[in-house]
Amino acid sequence: MRAILTLLWLLVLPAQGETLMSQHTATGAFEVKLDAQQDANSPLGRWLLGKTFTGDLKGHSLGQMLAYGDPRSGSAGYVALEVFTGSLNGKEGGFALAHKGEMDQGQQQLEVSVVPGSGSGALKGISGRLQIDIKDGQHFYHFQYRLPEP
């Protein structure tokens, strides 16, 4: 019996050097402003981006995006980095997000994740993935994230 209790205890506790993490969800909307920074000699499109978040994320982000392809033809790709500053479910701080998006024959795939080690303030140690949905021209987010236990 003692061996079973020890095994269960080890499964619940983090390994030495690891931190207990708690899972959270945040939802809301955001507005995007793009400022084209095109170079006539480059096949890449480049934009400065600014976002204003409402809902569980309250604040602003600044970033840059590179894109290649022709979305109207159904094929394109983009990468972006942005840095958020504000609050997340009442916790003040910031973190960076990395984007990788592709469109192949109209089929879209998008990955947005927290850059490891980018959390600051009460968001230090954050990790997670953010899903973006666009409906009727409005941008919405669903953010699954983890924070270290206090």
C-alpha atoms as a PDB file:
ATOM      1  CA  MET A   1       0.000   0.000   0.000  1.00  0.00           C
ATOM      2  CA  ARG A   2       2.809   2.388   0.904  1.00  0.00           C
ATOM      3  CA  ALA A   3       4.421   1.832  -2.521  1.00  0.00           C
ATOM      4  CA  ILE A   4       1.156   2.715  -4.288  1.00  0.00           C
ATOM      5  CA  LEU A   5       0.762   5.909  -2.230  1.00  0.00           C
ATOM      6  CA  THR A   6       4.385   6.859  -2.965  1.00  0.00           C
ATOM      7  CA  LEU A   7       3.844   6.275  -6.684  1.00  0.00           C
ATOM      8  CA  LEU A   8       0.659   8.369  -6.701  1.00  0.00           C
ATOM      9  CA  TRP A   9       2.446  11.135  -4.780  1.00  0.00           C
ATOM     10  CA  LEU A  10       5.306  11.160  -7.313  1.00  0.00           C
ATOM     11  CA  LEU A  11       2.843  11.431 -10.205  1.00  0.00           C
ATOM     12  CA  VAL A  12       1.272  14.523  -8.636  1.00  0.00           C
ATOM     13  CA  LEU A  13       4.475  16.317  -7.609  1.00  0.00           C
ATOM     14  CA  PRO A  14       6.732  18.009 -10.159  1.00  0.00           C
ATOM     15  CA  ALA A  15      10.174  16.542 -10.758  1.00  0.00           C
ATOM     16  CA  GLN A  16      13.049  18.229  -8.945  1.00  0.00           C
ATOM     17  CA  GLY A  17      13.608  21.649 -10.539  1.00  0.00           C
ATOM     18  CA  GLU A  18      10.139  21.700 -12.158  1.00  0.00           C
ATOM     19  CA  THR A  19       7.375  24.083 -11.154  1.00  0.00           C
ATOM     20  CA  LEU A  20       3.711  23.242 -10.640  1.00  0.00           C
ATOM     21  CA  MET A  21       1.683  24.861 -13.423  1.00  0.00           C
ATOM     22  CA  SER A  22      -2.018  25.675 -13.500  1.00  0.00           C
ATOM     23  CA  GLN A  23      -4.105  25.640 -16.716  1.00  0.00           C
ATOM     24  CA  HIS A  24      -6.234  28.676 -17.601  1.00  0.00           C
ATOM     25  CA  THR A  25      -8.378  30.005 -20.446  1.00  0.00           C
ATOM     26  CA  ALA A  26      -8.848  33.570 -21.654  1.00  0.00           C
ATOM     27  CA  THR A  27     -11.274  34.810 -24.308  1.00  0.00           C
ATOM     28  CA  GLY A  28     -12.123  38.119 -25.881  1.00  0.00           C
ATOM     29  CA  ALA A  29     -11.624  40.275 -28.951  1.00  0.00           C
ATOM     30  CA  PHE A  30      -8.901  42.425 -30.462  1.00  0.00           C
ATOM     31  CA  GLU A  31      -8.483  45.120 -33.082  1.00  0.00           C
ATOM     32  CA  VAL A  32      -5.540  45.110 -35.494  1.00  0.00           C
ATOM     33  CA  LYS A  33      -3.771  48.025 -37.157  1.00  0.00           C
ATOM     34  CA  LEU A  34      -1.281  47.257 -39.941  1.00  0.00           C
ATOM     35  CA  ASP A  35       1.321  49.674 -41.276  1.00  0.00           C
ATOM     36  CA  ALA A  36       2.937  48.471 -44.528  1.00  0.00           C
ATOM     37  CA  GLN A  37       6.724  48.660 -44.630  1.00  0.00           C
ATOM     38  CA  GLN A  38       7.160  47.409 -48.195  1.00  0.00           C
ATOM     39  CA  ASP A  39      10.543  47.226 -49.912  1.00  0.00           C
ATOM     40  CA  ALA A  40      10.099  47.413 -53.701  1.00  0.00           C
ATOM     41  CA  ASN A  41      13.102  45.086 -54.181  1.00  0.00           C
ATOM     42  CA  SER A  42      11.805  42.316 -51.914  1.00  0.00           C
ATOM     43  CA  PRO A  43       9.227  39.638 -52.739  1.00  0.00           C
ATOM     44  CA  LEU A  44       8.248  39.665 -49.034  1.00  0.00           C
ATOM     45  CA  GLY A  45       5.524  41.852 -47.609  1.00  0.00           C
ATOM     46  CA  ARG A  46       6.406  43.417 -44.258  1.00  0.00           C
ATOM     47  CA  TRP A  47       4.058  45.145 -41.810  1.00  0.00           C
ATOM     48  CA  LEU A  48       4.282  46.729 -38.395  1.00  0.00           C
ATOM     49  CA  LEU A  49       1.297  45.644 -36.364  1.00  0.00           C
ATOM     50  CA  GLY A  50      -0.468  46.990 -33.338  1.00  0.00           C
ATOM     51  CA  LYS A  51      -3.295  45.295 -31.490  1.00  0.00           C
ATOM     52  CA  THR A  52      -5.683  46.382 -28.762  1.00  0.00           C
ATOM     53  CA  PHE A  53      -7.076  43.506 -26.686  1.00  0.00           C
ATOM     54  CA  THR A  54     -10.318  43.432 -24.691  1.00  0.00           C
ATOM     55  CA  GLY A  55     -11.869  40.680 -22.613  1.00  0.00           C
ATOM     56  CA  ASP A  56      -9.677  38.544 -20.366  1.00  0.00           C
ATOM     57  CA  LEU A  57      -6.603  40.049 -22.067  1.00  0.00           C
ATOM     58  CA  LYS A  58      -6.571  43.822 -21.591  1.00  0.00           C
ATOM     59  CA  GLY A  59      -3.769  45.780 -23.195  1.00  0.00           C
ATOM     60  CA  HIS A  60      -1.771  46.343 -26.338  1.00  0.00           C
ATOM     61  CA  SER A  61       0.763  44.518 -28.452  1.00  0.00           C
ATOM     62  CA  LEU A  62       3.313  45.676 -30.986  1.00  0.00           C
ATOM     63  CA  GLY A  63       4.971  43.458 -33.554  1.00  0.00           C
ATOM     64  CA  GLN A  64       6.174  42.760 -37.054  1.00  0.00           C
ATOM     65  CA  MET A  65       4.858  40.432 -39.724  1.00  0.00           C
ATOM     66  CA  LEU A  66       6.459  39.025 -42.874  1.00  0.00           C
ATOM     67  CA  ALA A  67       4.347  37.415 -45.595  1.00  0.00           C
ATOM     68  CA  TYR A  68       4.857  35.793 -48.957  1.00  0.00           C
ATOM     69  CA  GLY A  69       2.374  34.568 -51.547  1.00  0.00           C
ATOM     70  CA  ASP A  70      -0.991  35.600 -52.882  1.00  0.00           C
ATOM     71  CA  PRO A  71      -3.872  34.915 -50.465  1.00  0.00           C
ATOM     72  CA  ARG A  72      -6.398  35.660 -53.231  1.00  0.00           C
ATOM     73  CA  SER A  73      -5.059  32.666 -55.180  1.00  0.00           C
ATOM     74  CA  GLY A  74      -5.324  30.461 -52.079  1.00  0.00           C
ATOM     75  CA  SER A  75      -1.604  30.115 -51.287  1.00  0.00           C
ATOM     76  CA  ALA A  76       0.466  32.203 -48.880  1.00  0.00           C
ATOM     77  CA  GLY A  77       2.428  32.113 -45.659  1.00  0.00           C
ATOM     78  CA  TYR A  78       3.298  34.485 -42.860  1.00  0.00           C
ATOM     79  CA  VAL A  79       5.348  34.675 -39.693  1.00  0.00           C
ATOM     80  CA  ALA A  80       5.071  37.316 -36.988  1.00  0.00           C
ATOM     81  CA  LEU A  81       6.300  38.222 -33.533  1.00  0.00           C
ATOM     82  CA  GLU A  82       4.384  40.498 -31.202  1.00  0.00           C
ATOM     83  CA  VAL A  83       4.900  41.633 -27.611  1.00  0.00           C
ATOM     84  CA  PHE A  84       1.831  42.038 -25.385  1.00  0.00           C
ATOM     85  CA  THR A  85       1.769  44.371 -22.366  1.00  0.00           C
ATOM     86  CA  GLY A  86      -1.212  44.650 -20.032  1.00  0.00           C
ATOM     87  CA  SER A  87      -3.187  42.229 -17.892  1.00  0.00           C
ATOM     88  CA  LEU A  88      -4.342  38.661 -18.303  1.00  0.00           C
ATOM     89  CA  ASN A  89      -7.257  37.688 -16.064  1.00  0.00           C
ATOM     90  CA  GLY A  90      -6.183  40.451 -13.674  1.00  0.00           C
ATOM     91  CA  LYS A  91      -2.450  39.609 -13.627  1.00  0.00           C
ATOM     92  CA  GLU A  92      -0.237  42.482 -14.845  1.00  0.00           C
ATOM     93  CA  GLY A  93       2.748  41.800 -17.084  1.00  0.00           C
ATOM     94  CA  GLY A  94       3.662  40.878 -20.599  1.00  0.00           C
ATOM     95  CA  PHE A  95       4.804  38.143 -22.975  1.00  0.00           C
ATOM     96  CA  ALA A  96       5.668  37.589 -26.621  1.00  0.00           C
ATOM     97  CA  LEU A  97       3.678  35.592 -29.177  1.00  0.00           C
ATOM     98  CA  ALA A  98       5.109  33.820 -32.244  1.00  0.00           C
ATOM     99  CA  HIS A  99       2.838  33.285 -35.289  1.00  0.00           C
ATOM    100  CA  LYS A 100       3.188  30.847 -38.175  1.00  0.00           C
ATOM    101  CA  GLY A 101       0.364  30.827 -40.709  1.00  0.00           C
ATOM    102  CA  GLU A 102      -0.025  29.028 -44.022  1.00  0.00           C
ATOM    103  CA  MET A 103      -2.694  28.803 -46.678  1.00  0.00           C
ATOM    104  CA  ASP A 104      -2.514  25.980 -49.221  1.00  0.00           C
ATOM    105  CA  GLN A 105      -5.228  25.893 -51.892  1.00  0.00           C
ATOM    106  CA  GLY A 106      -7.472  27.849 -49.534  1.00  0.00           C
ATOM    107  CA  GLN A 107      -6.914  25.548 -46.526  1.00  0.00           C
ATOM    108  CA  GLN A 108      -5.617  27.623 -43.609  1.00  0.00           C
ATOM    109  CA  GLN A 109      -3.399  26.534 -40.751  1.00  0.00           C
ATOM    110  CA  LEU A 110      -2.326  28.910 -37.972  1.00  0.00           C
ATOM    111  CA  GLU A 111      -0.161  28.366 -34.908  1.00  0.00           C
ATOM    112  CA  VAL A 112       0.280  31.116 -32.321  1.00  0.00           C
ATOM    113  CA  SER A 113       2.266  30.293 -29.190  1.00  0.00           C
ATOM    114  CA  VAL A 114       3.885  32.092 -26.278  1.00  0.00           C
ATOM    115  CA  VAL A 115       7.628  32.550 -26.806  1.00  0.00           C
ATOM    116  CA  PRO A 116       9.345  30.542 -24.036  1.00  0.00           C
ATOM    117  CA  GLY A 117      10.931  32.713 -21.354  1.00  0.00           C
ATOM    118  CA  SER A 118       9.177  35.898 -22.541  1.00  0.00           C
ATOM    119  CA  GLY A 119       6.806  36.361 -19.585  1.00  0.00           C
ATOM    120  CA  SER A 120       7.298  39.335 -17.273  1.00  0.00           C
ATOM    121  CA  GLY A 121       5.688  40.689 -14.105  1.00  0.00           C
ATOM    122  CA  ALA A 122       2.904  38.454 -12.780  1.00  0.00           C
ATOM    123  CA  LEU A 123       3.027  36.563 -16.124  1.00  0.00           C
ATOM    124  CA  LYS A 124       6.609  35.336 -15.665  1.00  0.00           C
ATOM    125  CA  GLY A 125       6.824  31.652 -16.626  1.00  0.00           C
ATOM    126  CA  ILE A 126       3.727  31.749 -18.873  1.00  0.00           C
ATOM    127  CA  SER A 127       3.311  29.231 -21.702  1.00  0.00           C
ATOM    128  CA  GLY A 128       0.413  28.542 -24.007  1.00  0.00           C
ATOM    129  CA  ARG A 129      -1.298  28.686 -27.390  1.00  0.00           C
ATOM    130  CA  LEU A 130      -3.671  31.289 -28.770  1.00  0.00           C
ATOM    131  CA  GLN A 131      -6.383  30.562 -31.332  1.00  0.00           C
ATOM    132  CA  ILE A 132      -7.661  33.363 -33.574  1.00  0.00           C
ATOM    133  CA  ASP A 133     -11.142  33.377 -35.095  1.00  0.00           C
ATOM    134  CA  ILE A 134     -12.354  36.021 -37.541  1.00  0.00           C
ATOM    135  CA  LYS A 135     -16.114  36.443 -37.831  1.00  0.00           C
ATOM    136  CA  ASP A 136     -17.770  39.205 -39.844  1.00  0.00           C
ATOM    137  CA  GLY A 137     -14.473  41.112 -39.955  1.00  0.00           C
ATOM    138  CA  GLN A 138     -13.981  41.017 -36.178  1.00  0.00           C
ATOM    139  CA  HIS A 139     -11.025  39.242 -34.522  1.00  0.00           C
ATOM    140  CA  PHE A 140     -11.579  36.995 -31.494  1.00  0.00           C
ATOM    141  CA  TYR A 141      -9.086  35.005 -29.415  1.00  0.00           C
ATOM    142  CA  HIS A 142      -9.238  31.864 -27.314  1.00  0.00           C
ATOM    143  CA  PHE A 143      -6.069  31.545 -25.224  1.00  0.00           C
ATOM    144  CA  GLN A 144      -5.157  28.332 -23.379  1.00  0.00           C
ATOM    145  CA  TYR A 145      -2.232  29.084 -21.071  1.00  0.00           C
ATOM    146  CA  ARG A 146      -0.318  27.864 -18.051  1.00  0.00           C
ATOM    147  CA  LEU A 147       1.229  29.867 -15.231  1.00  0.00           C
ATOM    148  CA  PRO A 148       3.451  28.669 -12.388  1.00  0.00           C
ATOM    149  CA  GLU A 149       1.628  28.115  -9.104  1.00  0.00           C
ATOM    150  CA  PRO A 150       2.440  30.808  -6.512  1.00  0.00           C
END
